[in-house]
C-alpha cells in the first residue's frame, strides 16, 4: 500500500468528521442564542458575534479543540485585501485549513431574487467560487439571519434561486440529516481548484 495515499485518506476522513461537527455546532448554538431572547432586528455583526460566542463556549461538547475566529482577513497574491470572513473554523493548527462561514442578514424587503443575486451570491457565494474563502478545503458555509419577514418565504426563495448559481443546477434540502429546518446544500465550480460544497443554514430571529 502506498503510504502517502493511506495518510492522505486518513486526513480526509479526519477533516470530514470535523466539518460535520462544525455544522452541528452552528445549529446547536443558534438554539442557544434563541434561549437568550435576543433583541429583534439586530445588526449582522451583532448577530454573528452572539453566535460566535456560543460556538466558542460549546465547541468542546462537539469534540472541537481548534480555534474559532471572526473577521479573519484574506489577501491575494499581491497582498491586497480580498475580504474578511465572518466566522473561521479551523481544522488543524495550520492557518490555511479552515471552514469559512459567511453570514448574511435578511429583512422583509430583502427576501427577493435581486438581493440573493447581489448580496447572498455576489458578496457571499462568489467569494468561495473565487477561492477567497475555504481555499484549502472543499466545504464552506452560508448563514442566513432572517430578522423580519416570512421564514418559509426565505426558504422557498433561496431554494428556487440558488440552482442557477450551482454547477449542477440543484439544491439539496438536507434538513432531515440535522433534524433542523432549514439546511440546504449546493455545489459550485471554483477557479483553478476542485468544486466546493456549500452548506446553507437558515436562522429565524423574527
N, C-alpha and C. Protein backbone atom coordinates (compact mmCIF):
# COMPACT_ATOMS: atom_id res chain seq x y z
N UNK A 1 0.84 -1.20 0.00
CA UNK A 1 0.00 0.00 0.00
C UNK A 1 0.87 1.25 0.00
N UNK A 2 0.48 2.22 -0.81
CA UNK A 2 1.19 3.48 -0.86
C UNK A 2 0.96 4.25 0.44
N UNK A 3 2.02 4.50 1.18
CA UNK A 3 1.90 5.14 2.49
C UNK A 3 1.32 6.54 2.36
N UNK A 4 1.70 7.28 1.32
CA UNK A 4 1.20 8.65 1.15
C UNK A 4 -0.29 8.66 0.89
N UNK A 5 -0.77 7.69 0.09
CA UNK A 5 -2.20 7.61 -0.19
C UNK A 5 -2.96 7.30 1.09
N UNK A 6 -2.43 6.36 1.89
CA UNK A 6 -3.08 5.99 3.13
C UNK A 6 -3.17 7.17 4.09
N UNK A 7 -2.06 7.91 4.21
CA UNK A 7 -2.03 9.07 5.09
C UNK A 7 -3.01 10.13 4.62
N UNK A 8 -3.05 10.36 3.30
CA UNK A 8 -3.95 11.36 2.74
C UNK A 8 -5.40 10.98 3.00
N UNK A 9 -5.74 9.70 2.82
CA UNK A 9 -7.10 9.23 3.05
C UNK A 9 -7.49 9.42 4.50
N UNK A 10 -6.59 9.10 5.41
CA UNK A 10 -6.86 9.26 6.84
C UNK A 10 -7.13 10.72 7.17
N UNK A 11 -6.34 11.62 6.60
CA UNK A 11 -6.53 13.04 6.86
C UNK A 11 -7.88 13.52 6.34
N UNK A 12 -8.28 13.01 5.17
CA UNK A 12 -9.56 13.42 4.60
C UNK A 12 -10.72 12.98 5.49
N UNK A 13 -10.65 11.74 6.01
CA UNK A 13 -11.69 11.25 6.90
C UNK A 13 -11.71 12.07 8.18
N UNK A 14 -10.54 12.38 8.70
CA UNK A 14 -10.42 13.16 9.93
C UNK A 14 -11.05 14.55 9.75
N UNK A 15 -10.71 15.20 8.64
CA UNK A 15 -11.25 16.54 8.38
C UNK A 15 -12.75 16.50 8.16
N UNK A 16 -13.21 15.49 7.43
CA UNK A 16 -14.65 15.39 7.16
C UNK A 16 -15.44 15.27 8.46
N UNK A 17 -14.89 14.55 9.42
CA UNK A 17 -15.56 14.44 10.71
C UNK A 17 -15.72 15.78 11.38
N UNK A 18 -14.68 16.61 11.31
CA UNK A 18 -14.77 17.93 11.92
C UNK A 18 -15.68 18.86 11.14
N UNK A 19 -15.74 18.70 9.84
CA UNK A 19 -16.66 19.51 9.05
C UNK A 19 -18.09 19.28 9.51
N UNK A 20 -18.44 18.02 9.72
CA UNK A 20 -19.78 17.68 10.20
C UNK A 20 -20.02 18.29 11.58
N UNK A 21 -19.03 18.20 12.44
CA UNK A 21 -19.17 18.72 13.80
C UNK A 21 -19.39 20.23 13.81
N UNK A 22 -18.71 20.95 12.94
CA UNK A 22 -18.88 22.40 12.92
C UNK A 22 -20.29 22.80 12.49
N UNK A 23 -20.86 22.07 11.53
CA UNK A 23 -22.23 22.37 11.11
C UNK A 23 -23.20 22.09 12.25
N UNK A 24 -23.01 20.99 12.93
CA UNK A 24 -23.85 20.67 14.08
C UNK A 24 -23.69 21.71 15.18
N UNK A 25 -22.47 22.19 15.37
CA UNK A 25 -22.21 23.21 16.38
C UNK A 25 -22.94 24.52 16.05
N UNK A 26 -22.91 24.93 14.80
CA UNK A 26 -23.60 26.16 14.40
C UNK A 26 -25.09 26.06 14.72
N UNK A 27 -25.70 24.94 14.38
CA UNK A 27 -27.14 24.77 14.61
C UNK A 27 -27.44 24.74 16.11
N UNK A 28 -26.64 24.04 16.85
CA UNK A 28 -26.83 23.97 18.30
C UNK A 28 -26.72 25.36 18.93
N UNK A 29 -25.76 26.14 18.50
CA UNK A 29 -25.53 27.45 19.10
C UNK A 29 -26.59 28.46 18.69
N UNK A 30 -27.17 28.30 17.52
CA UNK A 30 -28.32 29.13 17.15
C UNK A 30 -29.44 28.94 18.17
N UNK A 31 -29.70 27.71 18.55
CA UNK A 31 -30.74 27.43 19.54
C UNK A 31 -30.38 28.02 20.90
N UNK A 32 -29.09 28.04 21.22
CA UNK A 32 -28.65 28.65 22.47
C UNK A 32 -28.88 30.16 22.44
N UNK A 33 -28.62 30.78 21.31
CA UNK A 33 -28.84 32.22 21.17
C UNK A 33 -30.32 32.54 21.34
N UNK A 34 -31.19 31.72 20.77
CA UNK A 34 -32.63 31.95 20.91
C UNK A 34 -33.07 31.92 22.36
N UNK A 35 -32.46 31.07 23.16
CA UNK A 35 -32.81 30.97 24.57
C UNK A 35 -32.44 32.24 25.34
N UNK A 36 -31.54 33.03 24.76
CA UNK A 36 -31.14 34.30 25.38
C UNK A 36 -32.17 35.40 25.11
N UNK A 37 -33.20 35.07 24.31
CA UNK A 37 -34.24 36.01 23.91
C UNK A 37 -33.63 37.30 23.37
N UNK A 38 -32.87 37.17 22.29
CA UNK A 38 -32.17 38.34 21.73
C UNK A 38 -33.14 39.37 21.16
N UNK A 39 -32.66 40.60 21.09
CA UNK A 39 -33.46 41.68 20.51
C UNK A 39 -33.69 41.40 19.03
N UNK A 40 -34.84 41.82 18.54
CA UNK A 40 -35.12 41.66 17.12
C UNK A 40 -34.40 42.73 16.32
N UNK A 41 -34.22 42.46 15.04
CA UNK A 41 -33.58 43.39 14.11
C UNK A 41 -32.17 43.81 14.55
N UNK A 42 -31.41 42.87 15.06
CA UNK A 42 -30.01 43.16 15.38
C UNK A 42 -29.21 43.32 14.09
N UNK A 43 -28.12 44.05 14.18
CA UNK A 43 -27.23 44.20 13.03
C UNK A 43 -26.56 42.85 12.74
N UNK A 44 -26.08 42.70 11.50
CA UNK A 44 -25.49 41.43 11.09
C UNK A 44 -24.31 41.04 11.98
N UNK A 45 -23.41 41.97 12.24
CA UNK A 45 -22.23 41.65 13.05
C UNK A 45 -22.60 41.34 14.50
N UNK A 46 -23.63 42.02 15.01
CA UNK A 46 -24.09 41.74 16.37
C UNK A 46 -24.60 40.32 16.46
N UNK A 47 -25.41 39.93 15.50
CA UNK A 47 -25.95 38.58 15.47
C UNK A 47 -24.83 37.56 15.31
N UNK A 48 -23.90 37.86 14.42
CA UNK A 48 -22.74 36.98 14.22
C UNK A 48 -21.96 36.79 15.51
N UNK A 49 -21.75 37.88 16.23
CA UNK A 49 -20.97 37.82 17.47
C UNK A 49 -21.67 37.00 18.54
N UNK A 50 -22.99 37.08 18.59
CA UNK A 50 -23.75 36.27 19.55
C UNK A 50 -23.57 34.79 19.24
N UNK A 51 -23.65 34.46 17.97
CA UNK A 51 -23.47 33.06 17.55
C UNK A 51 -22.05 32.61 17.83
N UNK A 52 -21.08 33.45 17.49
CA UNK A 52 -19.67 33.13 17.69
C UNK A 52 -19.35 32.84 19.15
N UNK A 53 -19.89 33.67 20.05
CA UNK A 53 -19.62 33.46 21.48
C UNK A 53 -20.11 32.10 21.93
N UNK A 54 -21.29 31.70 21.47
CA UNK A 54 -21.82 30.39 21.84
C UNK A 54 -21.02 29.25 21.21
N UNK A 55 -20.53 29.47 20.01
CA UNK A 55 -19.71 28.44 19.36
C UNK A 55 -18.43 28.19 20.13
N UNK A 56 -17.81 29.26 20.59
CA UNK A 56 -16.58 29.11 21.38
C UNK A 56 -16.88 28.45 22.72
N UNK A 57 -17.99 28.81 23.30
CA UNK A 57 -18.37 28.29 24.61
C UNK A 57 -18.71 26.80 24.55
N UNK A 58 -19.32 26.36 23.46
CA UNK A 58 -19.84 25.00 23.38
C UNK A 58 -19.04 24.05 22.48
N UNK A 59 -17.95 24.51 21.92
CA UNK A 59 -17.24 23.68 20.94
C UNK A 59 -16.73 22.38 21.53
N UNK A 60 -16.34 22.38 22.81
CA UNK A 60 -15.81 21.16 23.43
C UNK A 60 -16.87 20.07 23.51
N UNK A 61 -18.15 20.46 23.57
CA UNK A 61 -19.24 19.48 23.60
C UNK A 61 -19.24 18.64 22.33
N UNK A 62 -18.72 19.21 21.24
CA UNK A 62 -18.68 18.52 19.96
C UNK A 62 -17.28 17.98 19.64
N UNK A 63 -16.43 17.98 20.64
CA UNK A 63 -15.09 17.43 20.46
C UNK A 63 -14.17 18.32 19.65
N UNK A 64 -14.48 19.61 19.59
CA UNK A 64 -13.67 20.55 18.81
C UNK A 64 -12.70 21.27 19.73
N UNK A 65 -11.43 21.22 19.38
CA UNK A 65 -10.39 21.87 20.18
C UNK A 65 -9.72 23.03 19.45
N UNK A 66 -9.94 23.13 18.15
CA UNK A 66 -9.27 24.17 17.36
C UNK A 66 -9.96 25.52 17.52
N UNK A 67 -9.26 26.56 17.13
CA UNK A 67 -9.77 27.92 17.30
C UNK A 67 -10.94 28.21 16.38
N UNK A 68 -11.81 29.09 16.84
CA UNK A 68 -12.89 29.65 16.03
C UNK A 68 -12.73 31.16 16.09
N UNK A 69 -12.51 31.77 14.93
CA UNK A 69 -12.21 33.19 14.88
C UNK A 69 -13.23 33.93 14.03
N UNK A 70 -13.23 35.26 14.14
CA UNK A 70 -14.11 36.08 13.31
C UNK A 70 -13.32 37.22 12.69
N UNK A 71 -13.88 37.76 11.61
CA UNK A 71 -13.25 38.89 10.91
C UNK A 71 -11.81 38.58 10.51
N UNK A 72 -11.59 37.36 10.05
CA UNK A 72 -10.24 36.96 9.62
C UNK A 72 -10.02 37.46 8.20
N UNK A 73 -9.00 38.29 8.02
CA UNK A 73 -8.73 38.87 6.72
C UNK A 73 -7.99 37.91 5.79
N UNK A 74 -8.28 38.01 4.50
CA UNK A 74 -7.57 37.24 3.48
C UNK A 74 -7.08 38.21 2.41
N UNK A 75 -6.00 37.82 1.72
CA UNK A 75 -5.42 38.69 0.71
C UNK A 75 -5.00 37.88 -0.51
N UNK A 76 -4.79 38.59 -1.63
CA UNK A 76 -4.43 37.91 -2.88
C UNK A 76 -2.92 37.76 -3.02
N UNK A 77 -2.48 37.29 -4.19
CA UNK A 77 -1.05 37.05 -4.40
C UNK A 77 -0.22 38.33 -4.39
N UNK A 78 -0.88 39.46 -4.55
CA UNK A 78 -0.19 40.76 -4.49
C UNK A 78 -0.36 41.42 -3.12
N UNK A 79 -0.84 40.64 -2.15
CA UNK A 79 -1.01 41.08 -0.76
C UNK A 79 -2.07 42.18 -0.60
N UNK A 80 -3.00 42.24 -1.54
CA UNK A 80 -4.10 43.18 -1.42
C UNK A 80 -5.27 42.50 -0.72
N UNK A 81 -5.95 43.26 0.14
CA UNK A 81 -7.06 42.69 0.89
C UNK A 81 -8.14 42.17 -0.05
N UNK A 82 -8.64 40.96 0.26
CA UNK A 82 -9.69 40.33 -0.52
C UNK A 82 -11.02 40.27 0.22
N UNK A 83 -11.00 40.46 1.51
CA UNK A 83 -12.21 40.38 2.31
C UNK A 83 -11.92 39.88 3.70
N UNK A 84 -12.98 39.82 4.51
CA UNK A 84 -12.86 39.36 5.88
C UNK A 84 -13.95 38.32 6.14
N UNK A 85 -13.55 37.14 6.55
CA UNK A 85 -14.51 36.05 6.81
C UNK A 85 -15.27 36.31 8.10
N UNK A 86 -16.56 36.07 8.08
CA UNK A 86 -17.37 36.29 9.28
C UNK A 86 -16.99 35.33 10.39
N UNK A 87 -16.95 34.03 10.07
CA UNK A 87 -16.57 33.02 11.06
C UNK A 87 -15.59 32.06 10.40
N UNK A 88 -14.48 31.82 11.06
CA UNK A 88 -13.43 30.96 10.53
C UNK A 88 -13.21 29.81 11.51
N UNK A 89 -13.56 28.60 11.09
CA UNK A 89 -13.45 27.41 11.94
C UNK A 89 -12.26 26.57 11.49
N UNK A 90 -11.24 26.52 12.30
CA UNK A 90 -10.01 25.82 11.91
C UNK A 90 -10.16 24.31 12.05
N UNK A 91 -9.47 23.60 11.15
CA UNK A 91 -9.49 22.15 11.12
C UNK A 91 -8.19 21.55 11.64
N UNK A 92 -7.20 22.38 11.87
CA UNK A 92 -5.90 21.93 12.37
C UNK A 92 -5.17 23.16 12.90
N UNK A 93 -3.90 22.99 13.18
CA UNK A 93 -3.09 24.11 13.62
C UNK A 93 -2.59 24.96 12.44
N UNK A 94 -2.82 24.48 11.22
CA UNK A 94 -2.40 25.21 10.04
C UNK A 94 -3.39 26.32 9.72
N UNK A 95 -2.88 27.51 9.44
CA UNK A 95 -3.75 28.66 9.27
C UNK A 95 -4.58 28.62 8.00
N UNK A 96 -4.19 27.79 7.02
CA UNK A 96 -4.95 27.76 5.77
C UNK A 96 -5.94 26.60 5.72
N UNK A 97 -6.06 25.83 6.79
CA UNK A 97 -7.02 24.74 6.84
C UNK A 97 -8.18 25.13 7.74
N UNK A 98 -9.23 25.61 7.12
CA UNK A 98 -10.37 26.11 7.88
C UNK A 98 -11.63 26.04 7.02
N UNK A 99 -12.78 26.07 7.70
CA UNK A 99 -14.07 26.22 7.03
C UNK A 99 -14.55 27.63 7.31
N UNK A 100 -14.85 28.38 6.27
CA UNK A 100 -15.37 29.73 6.42
C UNK A 100 -16.89 29.68 6.40
N UNK A 101 -17.50 30.45 7.30
CA UNK A 101 -18.94 30.67 7.29
C UNK A 101 -19.19 32.15 7.03
N UNK A 102 -19.92 32.44 5.97
CA UNK A 102 -20.26 33.82 5.63
C UNK A 102 -21.70 34.08 6.05
N UNK A 103 -21.93 35.16 6.77
CA UNK A 103 -23.27 35.48 7.29
C UNK A 103 -23.91 36.60 6.47
N UNK A 104 -25.21 36.45 6.21
CA UNK A 104 -25.98 37.48 5.51
C UNK A 104 -27.29 37.73 6.25
N UNK A 105 -27.61 38.99 6.42
CA UNK A 105 -28.81 39.42 7.14
C UNK A 105 -29.94 39.69 6.16
N UNK A 106 -31.13 39.21 6.48
CA UNK A 106 -32.30 39.43 5.65
C UNK A 106 -33.38 40.17 6.43
N UNK A 107 -33.88 41.25 5.85
CA UNK A 107 -35.10 41.90 6.32
C UNK A 107 -36.23 41.50 5.38
N UNK A 108 -37.43 41.89 5.70
CA UNK A 108 -38.58 41.50 4.88
C UNK A 108 -38.40 41.90 3.42
N UNK A 109 -37.88 43.10 3.20
CA UNK A 109 -37.70 43.62 1.84
C UNK A 109 -36.60 42.90 1.07
N UNK A 110 -35.76 42.15 1.78
CA UNK A 110 -34.61 41.50 1.14
C UNK A 110 -34.91 40.10 0.63
N UNK A 111 -36.07 39.55 0.97
CA UNK A 111 -36.36 38.18 0.57
C UNK A 111 -36.89 38.18 -0.87
N UNK A 112 -35.99 38.57 -1.78
CA UNK A 112 -36.31 38.69 -3.20
C UNK A 112 -35.10 38.24 -4.02
N UNK A 113 -35.31 37.84 -5.27
CA UNK A 113 -34.20 37.38 -6.12
C UNK A 113 -33.08 38.41 -6.27
N UNK A 114 -33.41 39.68 -6.36
CA UNK A 114 -32.38 40.71 -6.55
C UNK A 114 -31.37 40.70 -5.42
N UNK A 115 -31.84 40.64 -4.18
CA UNK A 115 -30.96 40.65 -3.02
C UNK A 115 -30.10 39.39 -2.99
N UNK A 116 -30.71 38.26 -3.32
CA UNK A 116 -29.96 37.00 -3.33
C UNK A 116 -28.85 37.06 -4.38
N UNK A 117 -29.15 37.60 -5.54
CA UNK A 117 -28.15 37.69 -6.61
C UNK A 117 -27.00 38.63 -6.23
N UNK A 118 -27.33 39.79 -5.69
CA UNK A 118 -26.31 40.81 -5.45
C UNK A 118 -25.59 40.67 -4.12
N UNK A 119 -26.28 40.26 -3.08
CA UNK A 119 -25.68 40.17 -1.75
C UNK A 119 -25.32 38.74 -1.37
N UNK A 120 -26.32 37.86 -1.38
CA UNK A 120 -26.09 36.49 -0.92
C UNK A 120 -25.12 35.77 -1.85
N UNK A 121 -25.33 35.94 -3.16
CA UNK A 121 -24.39 35.33 -4.10
C UNK A 121 -23.18 36.23 -4.34
N UNK A 122 -23.41 37.46 -4.77
CA UNK A 122 -22.32 38.34 -5.19
C UNK A 122 -21.31 38.67 -4.11
N UNK A 123 -21.77 38.79 -2.85
CA UNK A 123 -20.87 39.13 -1.75
C UNK A 123 -20.71 37.97 -0.77
N UNK A 124 -21.15 36.78 -1.19
CA UNK A 124 -21.04 35.61 -0.33
C UNK A 124 -20.54 34.40 -1.09
N UNK A 125 -21.44 33.74 -1.79
CA UNK A 125 -21.08 32.51 -2.51
C UNK A 125 -19.91 32.73 -3.46
N UNK A 126 -19.91 33.83 -4.16
CA UNK A 126 -18.86 34.07 -5.16
C UNK A 126 -17.46 34.11 -4.54
N UNK A 127 -17.37 34.49 -3.30
CA UNK A 127 -16.06 34.52 -2.64
C UNK A 127 -15.51 33.12 -2.41
N UNK A 128 -16.39 32.15 -2.29
CA UNK A 128 -15.95 30.76 -2.23
C UNK A 128 -15.56 30.28 -3.63
N UNK A 129 -16.35 30.63 -4.63
CA UNK A 129 -16.05 30.23 -6.00
C UNK A 129 -14.71 30.80 -6.48
N UNK A 130 -14.38 31.99 -6.00
CA UNK A 130 -13.13 32.65 -6.40
C UNK A 130 -11.94 32.26 -5.55
N UNK A 131 -12.09 31.23 -4.71
CA UNK A 131 -11.01 30.73 -3.85
C UNK A 131 -10.58 31.73 -2.78
N UNK A 132 -11.41 32.71 -2.50
CA UNK A 132 -11.06 33.68 -1.47
C UNK A 132 -11.28 33.07 -0.09
N UNK A 133 -12.38 32.33 0.06
CA UNK A 133 -12.70 31.68 1.33
C UNK A 133 -12.62 30.16 1.17
N UNK A 134 -12.19 29.47 2.23
CA UNK A 134 -12.09 28.00 2.25
C UNK A 134 -11.28 27.47 1.08
N UNK A 135 -10.21 28.16 0.74
CA UNK A 135 -9.42 27.79 -0.43
C UNK A 135 -8.72 26.45 -0.34
N UNK A 136 -8.46 25.96 0.87
CA UNK A 136 -7.72 24.70 1.02
C UNK A 136 -8.60 23.50 1.34
N UNK A 137 -9.90 23.72 1.47
CA UNK A 137 -10.83 22.62 1.73
C UNK A 137 -11.98 22.72 0.75
N UNK A 138 -12.81 21.68 0.71
CA UNK A 138 -13.89 21.67 -0.27
C UNK A 138 -15.26 21.86 0.37
N UNK A 139 -15.29 22.61 1.50
CA UNK A 139 -16.55 22.89 2.17
C UNK A 139 -16.55 24.29 2.73
N UNK A 140 -17.70 24.94 2.64
CA UNK A 140 -17.89 26.25 3.24
C UNK A 140 -19.33 26.38 3.69
N UNK A 141 -19.62 27.47 4.35
CA UNK A 141 -20.98 27.64 4.86
C UNK A 141 -21.51 29.04 4.65
N UNK A 142 -22.81 29.12 4.40
CA UNK A 142 -23.53 30.39 4.33
C UNK A 142 -24.60 30.36 5.43
N UNK A 143 -24.67 31.42 6.22
CA UNK A 143 -25.66 31.52 7.29
C UNK A 143 -26.57 32.70 7.00
N UNK A 144 -27.86 32.44 6.92
CA UNK A 144 -28.84 33.48 6.63
C UNK A 144 -29.60 33.84 7.90
N UNK A 145 -29.43 35.10 8.36
CA UNK A 145 -30.16 35.59 9.52
C UNK A 145 -31.43 36.29 9.04
N UNK A 146 -32.59 35.74 9.31
CA UNK A 146 -33.83 36.43 8.99
C UNK A 146 -34.25 37.25 10.21
N UNK A 147 -34.25 38.58 10.05
CA UNK A 147 -34.58 39.47 11.16
C UNK A 147 -36.04 39.90 11.15
N UNK A 148 -36.65 39.92 9.99
CA UNK A 148 -38.08 40.21 9.90
C UNK A 148 -38.61 39.62 8.60
N UNK A 149 -39.89 39.28 8.57
CA UNK A 149 -40.47 38.70 7.37
C UNK A 149 -40.89 37.26 7.58
N UNK A 150 -41.13 36.57 6.48
CA UNK A 150 -41.67 35.22 6.45
C UNK A 150 -40.54 34.20 6.27
N UNK A 151 -40.33 33.37 7.27
CA UNK A 151 -39.24 32.39 7.24
C UNK A 151 -39.44 31.37 6.12
N UNK A 152 -40.68 30.92 5.94
CA UNK A 152 -40.95 29.96 4.87
C UNK A 152 -40.70 30.58 3.50
N UNK A 153 -40.98 31.86 3.37
CA UNK A 153 -40.72 32.53 2.10
C UNK A 153 -39.22 32.61 1.83
N UNK A 154 -38.43 32.85 2.87
CA UNK A 154 -36.98 32.88 2.70
C UNK A 154 -36.49 31.52 2.20
N UNK A 155 -36.96 30.44 2.81
CA UNK A 155 -36.57 29.11 2.38
C UNK A 155 -36.98 28.86 0.93
N UNK A 156 -38.22 29.19 0.58
CA UNK A 156 -38.69 28.96 -0.78
C UNK A 156 -37.91 29.79 -1.79
N UNK A 157 -37.60 31.03 -1.44
CA UNK A 157 -36.89 31.90 -2.37
C UNK A 157 -35.46 31.41 -2.59
N UNK A 158 -34.77 31.04 -1.53
CA UNK A 158 -33.41 30.51 -1.67
C UNK A 158 -33.43 29.20 -2.45
N UNK A 159 -34.37 28.34 -2.12
CA UNK A 159 -34.45 27.04 -2.80
C UNK A 159 -34.71 27.22 -4.29
N UNK A 160 -35.48 28.25 -4.64
CA UNK A 160 -35.79 28.49 -6.04
C UNK A 160 -34.72 29.23 -6.81
N UNK A 161 -33.95 30.09 -6.12
CA UNK A 161 -32.96 30.94 -6.79
C UNK A 161 -31.57 30.32 -6.86
N UNK A 162 -31.20 29.53 -5.88
CA UNK A 162 -29.83 29.03 -5.81
C UNK A 162 -29.41 28.12 -6.96
N UNK A 163 -30.32 27.31 -7.55
CA UNK A 163 -29.86 26.40 -8.61
C UNK A 163 -29.10 27.08 -9.74
N UNK A 164 -29.45 28.31 -10.10
CA UNK A 164 -28.77 28.98 -11.21
C UNK A 164 -27.32 29.32 -10.90
N UNK A 165 -26.94 29.27 -9.65
CA UNK A 165 -25.57 29.59 -9.26
C UNK A 165 -24.73 28.35 -8.98
N UNK A 166 -25.32 27.16 -9.12
CA UNK A 166 -24.60 25.93 -8.82
C UNK A 166 -24.02 25.32 -10.09
N UNK A 167 -23.16 24.33 -9.92
CA UNK A 167 -22.54 23.69 -11.09
C UNK A 167 -23.39 22.53 -11.61
N UNK A 168 -24.44 22.14 -10.86
CA UNK A 168 -25.29 21.05 -11.32
C UNK A 168 -26.77 21.42 -11.34
N UNK A 169 -27.06 22.72 -11.19
CA UNK A 169 -28.44 23.22 -11.23
C UNK A 169 -29.32 22.59 -10.16
N UNK A 170 -28.74 22.24 -9.02
CA UNK A 170 -29.51 21.58 -7.98
C UNK A 170 -29.29 22.22 -6.61
N UNK A 171 -30.32 22.14 -5.80
CA UNK A 171 -30.22 22.49 -4.38
C UNK A 171 -30.78 21.30 -3.61
N UNK A 172 -30.03 20.81 -2.66
CA UNK A 172 -30.47 19.65 -1.88
C UNK A 172 -30.88 20.11 -0.49
N UNK A 173 -32.09 19.75 -0.08
CA UNK A 173 -32.56 20.03 1.27
C UNK A 173 -32.08 18.89 2.17
N UNK A 174 -31.15 19.18 3.06
CA UNK A 174 -30.59 18.16 3.94
C UNK A 174 -31.01 18.40 5.39
N UNK A 175 -32.13 19.10 5.56
CA UNK A 175 -32.62 19.43 6.90
C UNK A 175 -32.80 18.18 7.76
N UNK A 176 -33.28 17.10 7.15
CA UNK A 176 -33.53 15.88 7.90
C UNK A 176 -32.28 15.30 8.55
N UNK A 177 -31.14 15.49 7.91
CA UNK A 177 -29.88 14.95 8.43
C UNK A 177 -29.48 15.63 9.73
N UNK A 178 -29.96 16.86 9.93
CA UNK A 178 -29.59 17.63 11.11
C UNK A 178 -30.78 17.86 12.04
N UNK A 179 -31.94 17.31 11.67
CA UNK A 179 -33.16 17.49 12.47
C UNK A 179 -33.41 18.96 12.75
N UNK A 180 -33.29 19.74 11.70
CA UNK A 180 -33.41 21.20 11.84
C UNK A 180 -33.90 21.76 10.52
N UNK A 181 -34.78 22.75 10.58
CA UNK A 181 -35.22 23.44 9.37
C UNK A 181 -34.74 24.88 9.42
N UNK A 182 -33.92 25.30 8.43
CA UNK A 182 -33.61 24.57 7.20
C UNK A 182 -32.11 24.54 6.98
N UNK A 183 -31.66 23.43 6.33
CA UNK A 183 -30.28 23.31 5.91
C UNK A 183 -30.28 22.87 4.45
N UNK A 184 -29.59 23.62 3.60
CA UNK A 184 -29.51 23.31 2.18
C UNK A 184 -28.06 23.04 1.80
N UNK A 185 -27.86 22.30 0.71
CA UNK A 185 -26.51 22.02 0.24
C UNK A 185 -26.43 22.26 -1.26
N UNK A 186 -25.38 22.96 -1.68
CA UNK A 186 -25.16 23.24 -3.10
C UNK A 186 -23.71 22.97 -3.46
N UNK A 187 -23.45 22.77 -4.76
CA UNK A 187 -22.10 22.52 -5.26
C UNK A 187 -21.74 23.61 -6.26
N UNK A 188 -20.49 24.09 -6.20
CA UNK A 188 -20.08 25.22 -7.02
C UNK A 188 -18.70 24.99 -7.64
N UNK A 189 -18.55 25.44 -8.86
CA UNK A 189 -17.25 25.41 -9.54
C UNK A 189 -16.35 26.49 -8.96
N UNK A 190 -15.06 26.18 -8.89
CA UNK A 190 -14.09 27.17 -8.42
C UNK A 190 -12.99 27.38 -9.45
N UNK A 191 -12.39 28.53 -9.38
CA UNK A 191 -11.28 28.86 -10.27
C UNK A 191 -10.02 28.12 -9.84
N UNK A 192 -9.48 27.31 -10.75
CA UNK A 192 -8.21 26.61 -10.52
C UNK A 192 -8.22 25.81 -9.21
N UNK A 193 -9.35 25.19 -8.92
CA UNK A 193 -9.46 24.41 -7.70
C UNK A 193 -10.62 23.42 -7.88
N UNK A 194 -10.69 22.43 -7.01
CA UNK A 194 -11.79 21.46 -7.08
C UNK A 194 -13.10 22.14 -6.67
N UNK A 195 -14.20 21.51 -7.04
CA UNK A 195 -15.51 22.04 -6.68
C UNK A 195 -15.64 22.17 -5.16
N UNK A 196 -16.51 23.07 -4.74
CA UNK A 196 -16.73 23.26 -3.31
C UNK A 196 -18.20 23.05 -2.98
N UNK A 197 -18.44 22.40 -1.87
CA UNK A 197 -19.80 22.21 -1.35
C UNK A 197 -20.08 23.34 -0.36
N UNK A 198 -21.24 23.97 -0.49
CA UNK A 198 -21.66 24.99 0.47
C UNK A 198 -22.89 24.49 1.21
N UNK A 199 -22.85 24.62 2.51
CA UNK A 199 -23.98 24.29 3.36
C UNK A 199 -24.63 25.61 3.78
N UNK A 200 -25.94 25.74 3.54
CA UNK A 200 -26.68 26.97 3.83
C UNK A 200 -27.56 26.71 5.05
N UNK A 201 -27.34 27.46 6.10
CA UNK A 201 -28.09 27.29 7.35
C UNK A 201 -28.97 28.53 7.55
N UNK A 202 -30.27 28.33 7.57
CA UNK A 202 -31.21 29.43 7.75
C UNK A 202 -31.55 29.57 9.23
N UNK A 203 -31.64 30.81 9.70
CA UNK A 203 -31.93 31.07 11.10
C UNK A 203 -33.03 32.12 11.20
N UNK A 204 -34.03 31.83 12.02
CA UNK A 204 -35.20 32.70 12.17
C UNK A 204 -35.10 33.48 13.47
N UNK A 205 -34.91 34.81 13.36
CA UNK A 205 -34.84 35.67 14.53
C UNK A 205 -36.03 36.63 14.60
N UNK A 206 -37.09 36.33 13.87
CA UNK A 206 -38.25 37.23 13.84
C UNK A 206 -39.06 37.12 15.15
